Amino acid sequence: MKTLSLFIALSVLFSFEISAEVIHQEKSLYRNIYVEDSGDLRCLKFSVKRATSNQSCIYKSDPNKMVFTYTKLIFSGLLLNPEPKSILILGLGGGTLSNTFNQLFPMAKIDNVEIDPAVVNVAKNYFGFKESQQVRNVEQDGRIFIKRALLKKQQYDWIILDAYNGDYIPEHLMTQEFLQEVKSLLSTNGVLSANTFSLSKLYDAESATYQSVFGDFYNVRFNKQGNRIILYSNSGMPNTETLSERADQLAPILINYGVDIYRVLRNMKIEQDWPKNTRLLTDQYSPANLLK
């Protein structure tokens, strides 16, 4: 029986690999880029030193529907600020989040920051990413953008950190100094959502570093094996009644995007599951290569 189950599992995996069609590939300055179609699913993949990983996926028949768990978790930010008027996203991927937020908040100003021009072109040509008067992309390193935005005294209602270099987060986007800069860009009611790992060798250090800058934050995750969203509000954490009321308002809208906001809300927890004396990540100490 076990042999039969293994055969079936391998057959399914083999069939998936066979059915996946590479419709675009190129080598950029930063990584190898692939776009693959597998039935109704289209995925953007980055290949760096260790492995090839999915960065963004859409259903071709329903591009508005979220595919990844982490993208669904990011919508927890709307429970803390339901009507952001200015949004900053570090890391474009396929531009799925930007497109969705533009639909939800057509009057909001959305700034995307992506260092790799090849990724921007792929997002536009294969994933429907659109720029407009309200939506722009800046081809720049995220840390440089943040520093220049500070000089311009810009503020954002929602900042989303989603910058991956294939299989890890660039070390200069994890440090205490960087997070202090990010916090300074938040408006009075500003919200931070950081997409990161539940399992990594830097979990404790990363958590302690975020806490040193922001104080208590929500861990938003469905389990401790995959991604987590670190969620913080500059205006404090809403009470349970307020969160429930906002979930009721958002639920009929977000379900169209494949997001069960009630499930997301149930998995928002303020918890400290790392040692108190954990060493912080700084510009002088940030071994991001240990993440995996």
Protein backbone atom coordinates (compact mmCIF):
# COMPACT_ATOMS: atom_id res chain seq x y z
CA MET A 1 0.00 0.00 0.00
CA LYS A 2 2.84 2.40 0.89
CA THR A 3 4.51 1.58 -2.43
CA LEU A 4 1.31 2.41 -4.31
CA SER A 5 0.91 5.73 -2.42
CA LEU A 6 4.50 6.67 -3.19
CA PHE A 7 4.01 5.81 -6.85
CA ILE A 8 0.89 7.99 -7.03
CA ALA A 9 2.65 10.91 -5.32
CA LEU A 10 5.63 10.69 -7.66
CA SER A 11 3.33 10.42 -10.64
CA VAL A 12 1.50 13.60 -9.65
CA LEU A 13 4.78 15.46 -9.11
CA PHE A 14 6.18 14.18 -12.40
CA SER A 15 3.01 15.17 -14.23
CA PHE A 16 3.19 18.69 -12.76
CA GLU A 17 6.78 19.12 -13.87
CA ILE A 18 5.97 17.85 -17.36
CA SER A 19 2.92 20.11 -17.71
CA ALA A 20 4.79 23.25 -16.55
CA GLU A 21 5.80 25.26 -19.63
CA VAL A 22 8.50 27.91 -19.46
CA ILE A 23 7.12 30.80 -21.52
CA HIS A 24 9.88 33.27 -20.67
CA GLN A 25 13.36 33.16 -19.19
CA GLU A 26 16.23 35.58 -18.88
CA LYS A 27 19.30 36.27 -16.81
CA SER A 28 19.21 39.68 -15.18
CA LEU A 29 21.94 41.45 -13.27
CA TYR A 30 20.60 39.96 -10.03
CA ARG A 31 19.14 36.53 -10.80
CA ASN A 32 17.78 34.07 -13.33
CA ILE A 33 14.12 34.78 -14.08
CA TYR A 34 11.53 32.30 -15.30
CA VAL A 35 7.85 32.57 -16.11
CA GLU A 36 6.06 29.22 -16.13
CA ASP A 37 2.53 28.22 -17.09
CA SER A 38 0.99 25.12 -15.56
CA GLY A 39 -2.63 24.81 -16.57
CA ASP A 40 -4.43 27.87 -15.20
CA LEU A 41 -1.47 28.86 -13.02
CA ARG A 42 1.22 31.29 -14.14
CA CYS A 43 4.23 31.78 -11.86
CA LEU A 44 7.24 34.07 -11.70
CA LYS A 45 10.30 32.23 -10.42
CA PHE A 46 13.75 33.40 -9.36
CA SER A 47 16.76 31.11 -9.45
CA VAL A 48 19.76 32.13 -7.38
CA LYS A 49 22.49 30.14 -5.65
CA ARG A 50 20.43 27.62 -3.72
CA ALA A 51 17.18 26.92 -5.50
CA THR A 52 14.40 28.12 -7.76
CA SER A 53 11.51 29.65 -5.83
CA ASN A 54 8.08 31.01 -6.72
CA GLN A 55 7.92 34.77 -6.28
CA SER A 56 4.47 35.50 -7.63
CA CYS A 57 1.64 33.44 -9.13
CA ILE A 58 -1.73 34.25 -10.68
CA TYR A 59 -4.68 32.26 -11.92
CA LYS A 60 -4.97 33.24 -15.58
CA SER A 61 -8.74 32.80 -15.45
CA ASP A 62 -9.04 34.95 -12.29
CA PRO A 63 -5.96 37.19 -11.83
CA ASN A 64 -7.57 38.98 -8.86
CA LYS A 65 -7.63 35.84 -6.70
CA MET A 66 -4.67 35.50 -4.32
CA VAL A 67 -2.64 32.30 -4.78
CA PHE A 68 -0.07 32.39 -1.98
CA THR A 69 -0.87 32.14 1.72
CA TYR A 70 1.43 35.05 2.57
CA THR A 71 -0.39 37.42 0.21
CA LYS A 72 -3.64 36.56 1.98
CA LEU A 73 -2.00 37.19 5.35
CA ILE A 74 -0.81 40.63 4.23
CA PHE A 75 -4.44 41.78 4.13
CA SER A 76 -4.35 41.68 7.94
CA GLY A 77 -2.95 45.21 7.60
CA LEU A 78 -6.41 46.42 6.62
CA LEU A 79 -7.70 45.36 10.02
CA LEU A 80 -5.41 48.01 11.53
CA ASN A 81 -5.98 50.69 8.87
CA PRO A 82 -8.98 49.91 6.62
CA GLU A 83 -8.53 52.90 4.30
CA PRO A 84 -4.87 53.59 3.50
CA LYS A 85 -4.39 56.62 1.27
CA SER A 86 -0.70 56.02 0.57
CA ILE A 87 0.99 52.63 0.19
CA LEU A 88 4.64 51.66 -0.21
CA ILE A 89 5.62 48.17 -1.38
CA LEU A 90 9.28 47.11 -1.35
CA GLY A 91 9.62 44.23 -3.83
CA LEU A 92 7.38 44.12 -6.88
CA GLY A 93 7.27 40.46 -7.90
CA GLY A 94 4.49 40.15 -10.45
CA GLY A 95 2.79 43.31 -9.19
CA THR A 96 -0.22 41.37 -7.87
CA LEU A 97 -0.51 43.27 -4.60
CA SER A 98 -0.16 46.63 -6.33
CA ASN A 99 -2.89 45.80 -8.83
CA THR A 100 -5.22 44.57 -6.09
CA PHE A 101 -4.71 47.59 -3.86
CA ASN A 102 -5.31 49.86 -6.83
CA GLN A 103 -8.67 48.15 -7.36
CA LEU A 104 -9.59 48.35 -3.69
CA PHE A 105 -8.38 51.93 -3.20
CA PRO A 106 -8.40 53.67 -6.60
CA MET A 107 -7.60 57.06 -5.07
CA ALA A 108 -4.65 55.81 -3.01
CA LYS A 109 -1.09 56.64 -4.04
CA ILE A 110 0.90 53.41 -4.48
CA ASP A 111 4.68 53.38 -4.72
CA ASN A 112 6.37 50.13 -5.70
CA VAL A 113 10.14 49.78 -5.35
CA GLU A 114 11.95 47.10 -7.38
CA ILE A 115 15.69 47.08 -7.95
CA ASP A 116 15.61 44.78 -11.00
CA PRO A 117 14.27 46.33 -14.23
CA ALA A 118 13.90 42.86 -15.74
CA VAL A 119 11.38 41.97 -13.03
CA VAL A 120 9.40 45.13 -13.77
CA ASN A 121 9.21 44.25 -17.48
CA VAL A 122 8.11 40.69 -16.72
CA ALA A 123 5.44 41.96 -14.29
CA LYS A 124 4.04 44.22 -17.01
CA ASN A 125 4.26 41.74 -19.89
CA TYR A 126 3.12 38.54 -18.17
CA PHE A 127 1.24 39.49 -14.97
CA GLY A 128 -0.70 42.60 -15.95
CA PHE A 129 1.11 45.04 -13.67
CA LYS A 130 0.03 48.57 -14.54
CA GLU A 131 1.42 51.99 -13.71
CA SER A 132 -0.75 55.12 -13.72
CA GLN A 133 -1.07 58.52 -12.11
CA GLN A 134 -1.78 56.74 -8.84
CA VAL A 135 0.60 53.79 -9.25
CA ARG A 136 4.30 53.99 -9.98
CA ASN A 137 7.36 51.79 -9.77
CA VAL A 138 10.79 53.09 -8.83
CA GLU A 139 13.74 51.01 -10.02
CA GLN A 140 15.98 51.39 -7.01
CA ASP A 141 17.41 49.59 -4.01
CA GLY A 142 14.81 49.66 -1.23
CA ARG A 143 17.18 51.08 1.39
CA ILE A 144 18.16 53.97 -0.89
CA PHE A 145 14.51 54.71 -1.64
CA ILE A 146 13.70 54.79 2.08
CA LYS A 147 16.56 57.20 2.82
CA ARG A 148 15.54 59.55 0.01
CA ALA A 149 11.88 59.40 1.04
CA LEU A 150 12.93 60.48 4.54
CA LEU A 151 14.78 63.47 3.12
CA LYS A 152 11.61 64.42 1.24
CA LYS A 153 9.62 64.00 4.49
CA GLN A 154 7.24 61.52 2.84
CA GLN A 155 4.80 59.47 4.91
CA TYR A 156 2.85 56.30 4.16
CA ASP A 157 -0.28 54.80 5.67
CA TRP A 158 0.85 51.27 4.81
CA ILE A 159 4.37 50.02 4.23
CA ILE A 160 4.82 46.45 2.98
CA LEU A 161 8.26 44.85 3.09
CA ASP A 162 8.32 42.02 0.55
CA ALA A 163 11.86 42.08 -0.83
CA TYR A 164 13.37 38.68 -1.51
CA ASN A 165 16.51 37.86 -3.43
CA GLY A 166 15.28 34.42 -4.42
CA ASP A 167 15.67 32.56 -1.13
CA TYR A 168 16.60 35.18 1.46
CA ILE A 169 15.98 38.76 2.48
CA PRO A 170 18.86 41.14 1.69
CA GLU A 171 20.74 41.77 4.92
CA HIS A 172 20.61 45.58 4.71
CA LEU A 173 16.79 45.33 4.75
CA MET A 174 16.71 43.50 8.08
CA THR A 175 18.74 45.67 10.41
CA GLN A 176 17.70 47.82 13.34
CA GLU A 177 18.89 50.95 11.55
CA PHE A 178 16.82 50.14 8.46
CA LEU A 179 13.69 49.44 10.50
CA GLN A 180 14.11 52.73 12.35
CA GLU A 181 14.15 54.46 8.97
CA VAL A 182 11.02 52.58 7.91
CA LYS A 183 9.22 53.52 11.13
CA SER A 184 10.00 57.19 10.50
CA LEU A 185 8.11 56.95 7.18
CA LEU A 186 4.88 55.74 8.82
CA SER A 187 2.04 58.21 9.14
CA THR A 188 0.25 58.70 12.47
CA ASN A 189 -2.07 55.78 11.62
CA GLY A 190 0.55 53.98 9.56
CA VAL A 191 0.82 50.20 9.42
CA LEU A 192 3.83 48.01 8.71
CA SER A 193 3.49 44.53 7.17
CA ALA A 194 6.72 42.57 6.74
CA ASN A 195 6.68 39.26 4.89
CA THR A 196 9.27 36.94 6.39
CA PHE A 197 9.92 33.39 7.60
CA SER A 198 8.52 31.34 10.47
CA LEU A 199 11.43 28.92 10.17
CA SER A 200 14.92 30.36 9.84
CA LYS A 201 18.18 30.50 11.76
CA LEU A 202 17.64 34.22 12.20
CA TYR A 203 14.07 33.98 13.52
CA ASP A 204 14.99 34.97 17.06
CA ALA A 205 17.31 37.79 15.99
CA GLU A 206 14.83 39.12 13.45
CA SER A 207 11.97 39.08 15.96
CA ALA A 208 14.06 40.77 18.64
CA THR A 209 15.19 43.42 16.17
CA TYR A 210 11.64 44.26 15.13
CA GLN A 211 10.59 44.44 18.77
CA SER A 212 13.48 46.77 19.59
CA VAL A 213 12.17 49.25 17.00
CA PHE A 214 8.40 48.78 17.07
CA GLY A 215 7.63 47.26 20.44
CA ASP A 216 4.90 44.60 20.46
CA PHE A 217 3.73 43.37 17.07
CA TYR A 218 1.38 40.73 15.69
CA ASN A 219 2.71 37.49 14.29
CA VAL A 220 0.25 36.60 11.53
CA ARG A 221 0.57 33.03 10.26
CA PHE A 222 -1.52 29.93 9.70
CA ASN A 223 1.23 27.65 10.99
CA LYS A 224 4.85 27.80 12.14
CA GLN A 225 6.22 26.10 9.03
CA GLY A 226 5.69 28.73 6.36
CA ASN A 227 5.71 32.49 6.00
CA ARG A 228 4.65 34.91 8.69
CA ILE A 229 3.65 38.55 8.51
CA ILE A 230 5.06 40.85 11.16
CA LEU A 231 2.30 43.42 11.66
CA TYR A 232 2.55 46.72 13.52
CA SER A 233 0.37 49.82 13.86
CA ASN A 234 1.80 53.24 14.64
CA SER A 235 -1.43 54.19 16.41
CA GLY A 236 -1.50 51.16 18.71
CA MET A 237 -3.32 47.85 18.50
CA PRO A 238 -7.14 48.02 18.12
CA ASN A 239 -9.29 46.22 20.67
CA THR A 240 -11.03 42.95 19.85
CA GLU A 241 -14.39 44.60 19.15
CA THR A 242 -12.88 47.03 16.64
CA LEU A 243 -11.01 44.23 14.86
CA SER A 244 -14.20 42.17 14.60
CA GLU A 245 -16.19 45.11 13.21
CA ARG A 246 -13.53 45.78 10.60
CA ALA A 247 -13.43 42.10 9.65
CA ASP A 248 -17.21 42.19 9.12
CA GLN A 249 -16.83 45.18 6.79
CA LEU A 250 -13.93 43.69 4.84
CA ALA A 251 -15.12 40.08 4.57
CA PRO A 252 -17.61 40.43 1.65
CA ILE A 253 -15.06 42.45 -0.33
CA LEU A 254 -11.94 40.40 0.27
CA ILE A 255 -13.60 37.03 -0.33
CA ASN A 256 -13.62 37.99 -4.02
CA TYR A 257 -9.82 37.96 -3.83
CA GLY A 258 -9.69 34.57 -2.14
CA VAL A 259 -9.02 36.09 1.29
CA ASP A 260 -10.88 34.77 4.35
CA ILE A 261 -10.26 37.74 6.64
CA TYR A 262 -11.92 35.97 9.58
CA ARG A 263 -9.36 33.18 9.37
CA VAL A 264 -6.60 35.77 9.11
CA LEU A 265 -7.91 37.55 12.21
CA ARG A 266 -7.99 34.30 14.19
CA ASN A 267 -4.30 33.83 13.44
CA MET A 268 -3.09 37.27 14.56
CA LYS A 269 -1.19 36.88 17.83
CA ILE A 270 1.03 39.07 19.97
CA GLU A 271 3.59 36.66 21.35
CA GLN A 272 7.23 36.54 22.33
CA ASP A 273 8.66 33.16 21.40
CA TRP A 274 12.34 34.14 21.34
CA PRO A 275 14.89 34.60 24.16
CA LYS A 276 15.00 38.05 25.78
CA ASN A 277 18.77 38.36 25.43
CA THR A 278 18.80 37.68 21.67
CA ARG A 279 21.42 39.65 19.74
CA LEU A 280 19.95 42.29 17.44
CA LEU A 281 20.61 42.59 13.72
CA THR A 282 22.46 45.80 12.88
CA ASP A 283 24.31 47.27 9.95
CA GLN A 284 27.47 45.83 11.52
CA TYR A 285 25.93 42.43 12.31
CA SER A 286 23.38 40.96 9.91
CA PRO A 287 24.27 37.45 8.68
CA ALA A 288 21.33 37.10 6.29
CA ASN A 289 23.07 34.18 4.59
CA LEU A 290 22.07 32.07 7.62
CA LEU A 291 18.39 32.47 6.89
CA LYS A 292 18.11 29.14 5.16
